[in-house]
Amino acid sequence: MHIIAHRGFSALFPENTLLAFDEAIKAGAWMIETDIRLSADNVPMIFHDSSLKRVCGRSEGVEALPYEVLRHIDISSYFDPTLRIEYLPTLADALQRIDGQIGVILEIKHHPKTWDKIAAIVEPMIADKLDWLEVSSFDDGILEDFHALNPMIKLHKLIEDVEVLERNDFESAYGYVYAFDIDITLLHHPKTQSLLETNKVIFWTVDAQDPATFPKAFAAMSNNPIHLKQQMAHGRV
């Protein structure tokens, strides 16, 4: 089973920062998972939440601010004020920094202002890097847009709702999908168990769970890849 660093090595370093990506690489993670949103002027930024409040202390969302404002926002002090300041990175920053050292899954976040154009903006940035870049989303429309633009992109369908697993048209709807990234709380759902037999399944977020309970998983995302690696080394999977 492969280990994916969720938002980088986010257990010990500020999430979705270049520092967290550097440390995930040092920790020996197989891949990094990170999040993409568009700024108000359509620059792809690395950020998870719909609001900057939790990690930056501002009430706006990424989509409400231009790049020139976002690039000066500190995203590290919330985590540890003694760290050197890490600013909100762009997708271009991350691609340059990682540069194929490790695989990356880009989770494309849905926003009503950007969902229908984000694929057209991101796809040209990654088209020549598909040996180490993959794309995920909860949003079917976003996944379909990426697939239409470039069928060579490995696409991950993110699933956190039982209703998605229980769709009557599940197989036909997601026939183009490379992997299913499923909330670990849905581990015991019959459809999840079925997918484990036939498809690549990645569980998120695996921190307290014993990986021995899902030995057929293709990969697991963890905030602490070293801890998960140690569990696997001690025969718990």
C-alpha atoms as a PDB file:
ATOM      1  CA  MET A   1       0.000   0.000   0.000  1.00  0.00           C
ATOM      2  CA  HIS A   2       1.306   3.405  -0.994  1.00  0.00           C
ATOM      3  CA  ILE A   3       1.484   6.408   1.354  1.00  0.00           C
ATOM      4  CA  ILE A   4       0.252   9.833   0.273  1.00  0.00           C
ATOM      5  CA  ALA A   5       1.057  12.937   2.313  1.00  0.00           C
ATOM      6  CA  HIS A   6      -2.244  14.778   2.846  1.00  0.00           C
ATOM      7  CA  ARG A   7      -1.686  18.495   2.165  1.00  0.00           C
ATOM      8  CA  GLY A   8       2.002  17.655   2.490  1.00  0.00           C
ATOM      9  CA  PHE A   9       3.401  16.594   5.865  1.00  0.00           C
ATOM     10  CA  SER A  10       0.585  18.535   7.521  1.00  0.00           C
ATOM     11  CA  ALA A  11       0.769  16.888  10.955  1.00  0.00           C
ATOM     12  CA  LEU A  12       4.110  18.548  11.721  1.00  0.00           C
ATOM     13  CA  PHE A  13       4.264  21.458   9.265  1.00  0.00           C
ATOM     14  CA  PRO A  14       1.813  24.098   7.993  1.00  0.00           C
ATOM     15  CA  GLU A  15      -0.532  22.462   5.511  1.00  0.00           C
ATOM     16  CA  ASN A  16      -0.272  23.115   1.787  1.00  0.00           C
ATOM     17  CA  THR A  17       2.998  25.011   2.048  1.00  0.00           C
ATOM     18  CA  LEU A  18       6.229  24.452   0.165  1.00  0.00           C
ATOM     19  CA  LEU A  19       7.768  23.513   3.523  1.00  0.00           C
ATOM     20  CA  ALA A  20       5.157  20.789   4.061  1.00  0.00           C
ATOM     21  CA  PHE A  21       5.888  19.469   0.563  1.00  0.00           C
ATOM     22  CA  ASP A  22       9.649  19.466   1.169  1.00  0.00           C
ATOM     23  CA  GLU A  23       9.172  17.545   4.408  1.00  0.00           C
ATOM     24  CA  ALA A  24       6.830  15.011   2.780  1.00  0.00           C
ATOM     25  CA  ILE A  25       9.548  14.261   0.251  1.00  0.00           C
ATOM     26  CA  LYS A  26      12.138  13.865   3.033  1.00  0.00           C
ATOM     27  CA  ALA A  27       9.732  11.548   4.888  1.00  0.00           C
ATOM     28  CA  GLY A  28       9.620   9.178   1.931  1.00  0.00           C
ATOM     29  CA  ALA A  29       5.968   9.636   0.987  1.00  0.00           C
ATOM     30  CA  TRP A  30       4.957   8.111  -2.330  1.00  0.00           C
ATOM     31  CA  MET A  31       2.852  11.103  -3.375  1.00  0.00           C
ATOM     32  CA  ILE A  32       1.606  14.449  -2.090  1.00  0.00           C
ATOM     33  CA  GLU A  33      -2.041  15.509  -2.151  1.00  0.00           C
ATOM     34  CA  THR A  34      -2.793  19.220  -2.294  1.00  0.00           C
ATOM     35  CA  ASP A  35      -5.637  21.605  -3.148  1.00  0.00           C
ATOM     36  CA  ILE A  36      -6.193  24.125  -5.944  1.00  0.00           C
ATOM     37  CA  ARG A  37      -8.383  27.218  -5.996  1.00  0.00           C
ATOM     38  CA  LEU A  38      -8.404  30.195  -8.370  1.00  0.00           C
ATOM     39  CA  SER A  39      -7.669  33.725  -7.211  1.00  0.00           C
ATOM     40  CA  ALA A  40      -9.965  36.564  -8.231  1.00  0.00           C
ATOM     41  CA  ASP A  41      -7.694  37.115 -11.247  1.00  0.00           C
ATOM     42  CA  ASN A  42      -7.589  33.412 -12.150  1.00  0.00           C
ATOM     43  CA  VAL A  43      -4.197  32.415 -10.732  1.00  0.00           C
ATOM     44  CA  PRO A  44      -4.233  28.807  -9.434  1.00  0.00           C
ATOM     45  CA  MET A  45      -3.378  28.917  -5.722  1.00  0.00           C
ATOM     46  CA  ILE A  46      -2.575  26.128  -3.262  1.00  0.00           C
ATOM     47  CA  PHE A  47      -5.222  26.301  -0.524  1.00  0.00           C
ATOM     48  CA  HIS A  48      -7.888  24.030   0.947  1.00  0.00           C
ATOM     49  CA  ASP A  49     -10.595  25.925   2.830  1.00  0.00           C
ATOM     50  CA  SER A  50     -13.365  28.030   1.339  1.00  0.00           C
ATOM     51  CA  SER A  51     -12.276  30.799   3.734  1.00  0.00           C
ATOM     52  CA  LEU A  52      -8.826  32.035   4.787  1.00  0.00           C
ATOM     53  CA  LYS A  53     -10.040  32.320   8.393  1.00  0.00           C
ATOM     54  CA  ARG A  54      -8.764  29.075   9.939  1.00  0.00           C
ATOM     55  CA  VAL A  55      -5.166  29.268   8.766  1.00  0.00           C
ATOM     56  CA  CYS A  56      -4.679  32.927   7.858  1.00  0.00           C
ATOM     57  CA  GLY A  57      -7.072  34.870  10.108  1.00  0.00           C
ATOM     58  CA  ARG A  58      -8.897  36.577   7.220  1.00  0.00           C
ATOM     59  CA  SER A  59     -12.576  36.213   6.432  1.00  0.00           C
ATOM     60  CA  GLU A  60     -12.263  36.284   2.632  1.00  0.00           C
ATOM     61  CA  GLY A  61     -11.920  33.287   0.388  1.00  0.00           C
ATOM     62  CA  VAL A  62      -9.113  32.798  -2.122  1.00  0.00           C
ATOM     63  CA  GLU A  63     -11.558  33.470  -4.953  1.00  0.00           C
ATOM     64  CA  ALA A  64     -12.290  36.962  -3.578  1.00  0.00           C
ATOM     65  CA  LEU A  65      -8.705  38.239  -3.616  1.00  0.00           C
ATOM     66  CA  PRO A  66      -6.179  38.882  -6.411  1.00  0.00           C
ATOM     67  CA  TYR A  67      -2.835  37.156  -6.600  1.00  0.00           C
ATOM     68  CA  GLU A  68      -0.928  40.295  -5.561  1.00  0.00           C
ATOM     69  CA  VAL A  69      -2.740  40.205  -2.203  1.00  0.00           C
ATOM     70  CA  LEU A  70      -2.716  36.441  -1.742  1.00  0.00           C
ATOM     71  CA  ARG A  71       1.009  36.046  -2.345  1.00  0.00           C
ATOM     72  CA  HIS A  72       1.792  38.168   0.716  1.00  0.00           C
ATOM     73  CA  ILE A  73      -0.485  36.251   3.112  1.00  0.00           C
ATOM     74  CA  ASP A  74       1.296  34.257   5.822  1.00  0.00           C
ATOM     75  CA  ILE A  75       0.065  30.659   6.037  1.00  0.00           C
ATOM     76  CA  SER A  76       2.467  29.420   8.712  1.00  0.00           C
ATOM     77  CA  SER A  77       2.023  31.528  11.849  1.00  0.00           C
ATOM     78  CA  TYR A  78      -1.297  29.844  12.717  1.00  0.00           C
ATOM     79  CA  PHE A  79       0.584  26.561  12.986  1.00  0.00           C
ATOM     80  CA  ASP A  80       3.773  27.659  14.707  1.00  0.00           C
ATOM     81  CA  PRO A  81       4.729  31.335  15.067  1.00  0.00           C
ATOM     82  CA  THR A  82       8.374  30.351  15.573  1.00  0.00           C
ATOM     83  CA  LEU A  83       8.640  28.985  12.024  1.00  0.00           C
ATOM     84  CA  ARG A  84       9.946  31.084   9.182  1.00  0.00           C
ATOM     85  CA  ILE A  85       7.054  32.671   7.333  1.00  0.00           C
ATOM     86  CA  GLU A  86       5.542  30.590   4.551  1.00  0.00           C
ATOM     87  CA  TYR A  87       3.381  32.521   2.111  1.00  0.00           C
ATOM     88  CA  LEU A  88       0.376  31.220   0.219  1.00  0.00           C
ATOM     89  CA  PRO A  89       1.928  29.356  -2.731  1.00  0.00           C
ATOM     90  CA  THR A  90       0.713  29.239  -6.305  1.00  0.00           C
ATOM     91  CA  LEU A  91       0.403  26.062  -8.324  1.00  0.00           C
ATOM     92  CA  ALA A  92       3.332  27.325 -10.399  1.00  0.00           C
ATOM     93  CA  ASP A  93       5.413  27.675  -7.213  1.00  0.00           C
ATOM     94  CA  ALA A  94       4.621  24.096  -6.210  1.00  0.00           C
ATOM     95  CA  LEU A  95       5.325  22.657  -9.659  1.00  0.00           C
ATOM     96  CA  GLN A  96       8.676  24.398  -9.786  1.00  0.00           C
ATOM     97  CA  ARG A  97       9.616  23.319  -6.263  1.00  0.00           C
ATOM     98  CA  ILE A  98       8.573  19.666  -6.597  1.00  0.00           C
ATOM     99  CA  ASP A  99       9.621  19.262 -10.234  1.00  0.00           C
ATOM    100  CA  GLY A 100       8.920  15.545 -10.422  1.00  0.00           C
ATOM    101  CA  GLN A 101      10.700  14.556  -7.214  1.00  0.00           C
ATOM    102  CA  ILE A 102       7.445  12.980  -6.062  1.00  0.00           C
ATOM    103  CA  GLY A 103       4.012  12.334  -7.506  1.00  0.00           C
ATOM    104  CA  VAL A 104       1.285  14.882  -6.788  1.00  0.00           C
ATOM    105  CA  ILE A 105      -2.512  14.684  -6.720  1.00  0.00           C
ATOM    106  CA  LEU A 106      -4.104  18.081  -7.317  1.00  0.00           C
ATOM    107  CA  GLU A 107      -7.530  18.284  -5.712  1.00  0.00           C
ATOM    108  CA  ILE A 108      -9.536  20.839  -7.677  1.00  0.00           C
ATOM    109  CA  LYS A 109     -11.933  22.625  -5.345  1.00  0.00           C
ATOM    110  CA  HIS A 110     -15.424  23.572  -6.454  1.00  0.00           C
ATOM    111  CA  HIS A 111     -16.465  27.231  -6.270  1.00  0.00           C
ATOM    112  CA  PRO A 112     -19.493  28.705  -8.063  1.00  0.00           C
ATOM    113  CA  LYS A 113     -17.332  31.435  -9.630  1.00  0.00           C
ATOM    114  CA  THR A 114     -14.605  29.159 -10.919  1.00  0.00           C
ATOM    115  CA  TRP A 115     -15.760  25.549 -11.350  1.00  0.00           C
ATOM    116  CA  ASP A 116     -16.512  25.907 -15.063  1.00  0.00           C
ATOM    117  CA  LYS A 117     -13.164  27.487 -16.025  1.00  0.00           C
ATOM    118  CA  ILE A 118     -10.615  26.007 -13.650  1.00  0.00           C
ATOM    119  CA  ALA A 119      -9.873  22.956 -15.826  1.00  0.00           C
ATOM    120  CA  ALA A 120      -9.066  25.130 -18.844  1.00  0.00           C
ATOM    121  CA  ILE A 121      -6.629  27.154 -16.728  1.00  0.00           C
ATOM    122  CA  VAL A 122      -4.904  24.275 -14.924  1.00  0.00           C
ATOM    123  CA  GLU A 123      -4.699  21.689 -17.728  1.00  0.00           C
ATOM    124  CA  PRO A 124      -2.103  23.574 -19.836  1.00  0.00           C
ATOM    125  CA  MET A 125       0.090  23.937 -16.734  1.00  0.00           C
ATOM    126  CA  ILE A 126       0.212  20.189 -16.139  1.00  0.00           C
ATOM    127  CA  ALA A 127      -0.153  18.673 -19.617  1.00  0.00           C
ATOM    128  CA  ASP A 128       3.576  17.962 -19.975  1.00  0.00           C
ATOM    129  CA  LYS A 129       3.934  16.658 -16.399  1.00  0.00           C
ATOM    130  CA  LEU A 130       1.446  13.783 -16.389  1.00  0.00           C
ATOM    131  CA  ASP A 131       4.113  11.269 -15.443  1.00  0.00           C
ATOM    132  CA  TRP A 132       3.943  12.728 -11.921  1.00  0.00           C
ATOM    133  CA  LEU A 133       0.755  14.833 -11.753  1.00  0.00           C
ATOM    134  CA  GLU A 134      -2.799  13.561 -11.276  1.00  0.00           C
ATOM    135  CA  VAL A 135      -6.119  15.345 -10.625  1.00  0.00           C
ATOM    136  CA  SER A 136      -8.932  14.726  -8.142  1.00  0.00           C
ATOM    137  CA  SER A 137     -12.235  16.383  -7.328  1.00  0.00           C
ATOM    138  CA  PHE A 138     -15.575  15.828  -5.637  1.00  0.00           C
ATOM    139  CA  ASP A 139     -17.179  17.670  -8.544  1.00  0.00           C
ATOM    140  CA  ASP A 140     -18.184  15.501 -11.510  1.00  0.00           C
ATOM    141  CA  GLY A 141     -18.343  18.490 -13.862  1.00  0.00           C
ATOM    142  CA  ILE A 142     -14.748  19.440 -13.086  1.00  0.00           C
ATOM    143  CA  LEU A 143     -13.550  15.874 -13.640  1.00  0.00           C
ATOM    144  CA  GLU A 144     -15.461  15.679 -16.918  1.00  0.00           C
ATOM    145  CA  ASP A 145     -13.924  18.971 -18.067  1.00  0.00           C
ATOM    146  CA  PHE A 146     -10.398  17.701 -17.414  1.00  0.00           C
ATOM    147  CA  HIS A 147     -11.185  14.419 -19.169  1.00  0.00           C
ATOM    148  CA  ALA A 148     -12.554  16.236 -22.214  1.00  0.00           C
ATOM    149  CA  LEU A 149      -9.490  18.499 -22.393  1.00  0.00           C
ATOM    150  CA  ASN A 150      -6.952  15.714 -21.889  1.00  0.00           C
ATOM    151  CA  PRO A 151      -7.995  12.048 -21.593  1.00  0.00           C
ATOM    152  CA  MET A 152      -4.424  11.176 -20.571  1.00  0.00           C
ATOM    153  CA  ILE A 153      -4.826  12.789 -17.133  1.00  0.00           C
ATOM    154  CA  LYS A 154      -5.257  10.253 -14.328  1.00  0.00           C
ATOM    155  CA  LEU A 155      -8.457  11.361 -12.586  1.00  0.00           C
ATOM    156  CA  HIS A 156      -9.561  10.535  -9.034  1.00  0.00           C
ATOM    157  CA  LYS A 157     -13.188  10.701  -7.945  1.00  0.00           C
ATOM    158  CA  LEU A 158     -13.378  11.885  -4.338  1.00  0.00           C
ATOM    159  CA  ILE A 159     -16.208  10.298  -2.359  1.00  0.00           C
ATOM    160  CA  GLU A 160     -17.470  11.226   1.103  1.00  0.00           C
ATOM    161  CA  ASP A 161     -21.213  10.605   0.693  1.00  0.00           C
ATOM    162  CA  VAL A 162     -23.007   7.262   0.750  1.00  0.00           C
ATOM    163  CA  GLU A 163     -25.328   8.576  -1.963  1.00  0.00           C
ATOM    164  CA  VAL A 164     -22.461   8.600  -4.459  1.00  0.00           C
ATOM    165  CA  LEU A 165     -21.555   4.991  -3.721  1.00  0.00           C
ATOM    166  CA  GLU A 166     -25.196   3.980  -4.106  1.00  0.00           C
ATOM    167  CA  ARG A 167     -25.776   5.614  -7.506  1.00  0.00           C
ATOM    168  CA  ASN A 168     -27.462   3.183  -9.890  1.00  0.00           C
ATOM    169  CA  ASP A 169     -25.265   4.452 -12.725  1.00  0.00           C
ATOM    170  CA  PHE A 170     -21.987   4.407 -10.763  1.00  0.00           C
ATOM    171  CA  GLU A 171     -20.059   2.255 -13.249  1.00  0.00           C
ATOM    172  CA  SER A 172     -21.153   4.165 -16.347  1.00  0.00           C
ATOM    173  CA  ALA A 173     -20.770   7.568 -14.684  1.00  0.00           C
ATOM    174  CA  TYR A 174     -17.178   6.958 -13.605  1.00  0.00           C
ATOM    175  CA  GLY A 175     -15.852   4.682 -16.311  1.00  0.00           C
ATOM    176  CA  TYR A 176     -13.081   7.178 -17.126  1.00  0.00           C
ATOM    177  CA  VAL A 177     -11.876   7.458 -13.506  1.00  0.00           C
ATOM    178  CA  TYR A 178      -8.397   6.163 -12.602  1.00  0.00           C
ATOM    179  CA  ALA A 179      -8.931   5.852  -8.838  1.00  0.00           C
ATOM    180  CA  PHE A 180     -11.582   6.345  -6.174  1.00  0.00           C
ATOM    181  CA  ASP A 181     -10.441   8.396  -3.176  1.00  0.00           C
ATOM    182  CA  ILE A 182     -12.876   7.454  -0.417  1.00  0.00           C
ATOM    183  CA  ASP A 183     -13.461   8.817   3.075  1.00  0.00           C
ATOM    184  CA  ILE A 184     -12.165   6.200   5.527  1.00  0.00           C
ATOM    185  CA  THR A 185     -15.503   6.335   7.382  1.00  0.00           C
ATOM    186  CA  LEU A 186     -17.040   4.582   4.353  1.00  0.00           C
ATOM    187  CA  LEU A 187     -14.612   1.657   4.583  1.00  0.00           C
ATOM    188  CA  HIS A 188     -17.258  -0.925   5.464  1.00  0.00           C
ATOM    189  CA  HIS A 189     -19.871   0.135   2.928  1.00  0.00           C
ATOM    190  CA  PRO A 190     -20.562  -2.793   0.553  1.00  0.00           C
ATOM    191  CA  LYS A 191     -19.738  -0.688  -2.515  1.00  0.00           C
ATOM    192  CA  THR A 192     -16.392   0.322  -1.023  1.00  0.00           C
ATOM    193  CA  GLN A 193     -15.592  -3.308  -0.336  1.00  0.00           C
ATOM    194  CA  SER A 194     -16.546  -4.159  -3.913  1.00  0.00           C
ATOM    195  CA  LEU A 195     -14.363  -1.395  -5.337  1.00  0.00           C
ATOM    196  CA  LEU A 196     -11.408  -2.666  -3.316  1.00  0.00           C
ATOM    197  CA  GLU A 197     -11.618  -5.886  -5.325  1.00  0.00           C
ATOM    198  CA  THR A 198     -11.825  -4.264  -8.744  1.00  0.00           C
ATOM    199  CA  ASN A 199     -10.402  -0.718  -8.665  1.00  0.00           C
ATOM    200  CA  LYS A 200      -7.685   1.458  -7.212  1.00  0.00           C
ATOM    201  CA  VAL A 201      -9.040   2.754  -3.886  1.00  0.00           C
ATOM    202  CA  ILE A 202      -7.305   5.434  -1.832  1.00  0.00           C
ATOM    203  CA  PHE A 203      -8.521   6.127   1.704  1.00  0.00           C
ATOM    204  CA  TRP A 204      -8.404   9.518   3.416  1.00  0.00           C
ATOM    205  CA  THR A 205      -7.553  10.701   5.965  1.00  0.00           C
ATOM    206  CA  VAL A 206      -5.739   7.856   7.712  1.00  0.00           C
ATOM    207  CA  ASP A 207      -4.156   8.942  10.989  1.00  0.00           C
ATOM    208  CA  ALA A 208      -5.645   6.955  13.887  1.00  0.00           C
ATOM    209  CA  GLN A 209      -6.969   4.012  11.853  1.00  0.00           C
ATOM    210  CA  ASP A 210      -5.093   0.723  11.738  1.00  0.00           C
ATOM    211  CA  PRO A 211      -4.060   0.130   8.097  1.00  0.00           C
ATOM    212  CA  ALA A 212      -4.384  -3.604   8.690  1.00  0.00           C
ATOM    213  CA  THR A 213      -8.156  -3.102   8.426  1.00  0.00           C
ATOM    214  CA  PHE A 214      -7.899  -2.211   4.735  1.00  0.00           C
ATOM    215  CA  PRO A 215      -5.036  -4.299   3.288  1.00  0.00           C
ATOM    216  CA  LYS A 216      -6.473  -4.231  -0.246  1.00  0.00           C
ATOM    217  CA  ALA A 217      -6.291  -0.453  -0.556  1.00  0.00           C
ATOM    218  CA  PHE A 218      -4.086   0.931  -3.304  1.00  0.00           C
ATOM    219  CA  ALA A 219      -2.967   3.835  -1.093  1.00  0.00           C
ATOM    220  CA  ALA A 220      -3.792   5.845   2.022  1.00  0.00           C
ATOM    221  CA  MET A 221      -3.555   9.584   2.606  1.00  0.00           C
ATOM    222  CA  SER A 222      -2.159  10.613   5.956  1.00  0.00           C
ATOM    223  CA  ASN A 223      -1.294  13.886   7.637  1.00  0.00           C
ATOM    224  CA  ASN A 224       1.674  12.029   9.119  1.00  0.00           C
ATOM    225  CA  PRO A 225       3.290   9.796   6.478  1.00  0.00           C
ATOM    226  CA  ILE A 226       6.119   8.762   8.813  1.00  0.00           C
ATOM    227  CA  HIS A 227       3.672   7.386  11.394  1.00  0.00           C
ATOM    228  CA  LEU A 228       1.790   5.412   8.749  1.00  0.00           C
ATOM    229  CA  LYS A 229       5.074   4.173   7.299  1.00  0.00           C
ATOM    230  CA  GLN A 230       6.112   2.943  10.744  1.00  0.00           C
ATOM    231  CA  GLN A 231       2.813   1.097  11.211  1.00  0.00           C
ATOM    232  CA  MET A 232       3.324  -0.673   7.900  1.00  0.00           C
ATOM    233  CA  ALA A 233       6.967  -1.499   8.736  1.00  0.00           C
ATOM    234  CA  HIS A 234       5.852  -3.155  11.966  1.00  0.00           C
ATOM    235  CA  GLY A 235       3.543  -5.492  10.110  1.00  0.00           C
ATOM    236  CA  ARG A 236       0.253  -3.784  10.825  1.00  0.00           C
ATOM    237  CA  VAL A 237      -0.833  -4.090   7.196  1.00  0.00           C
END
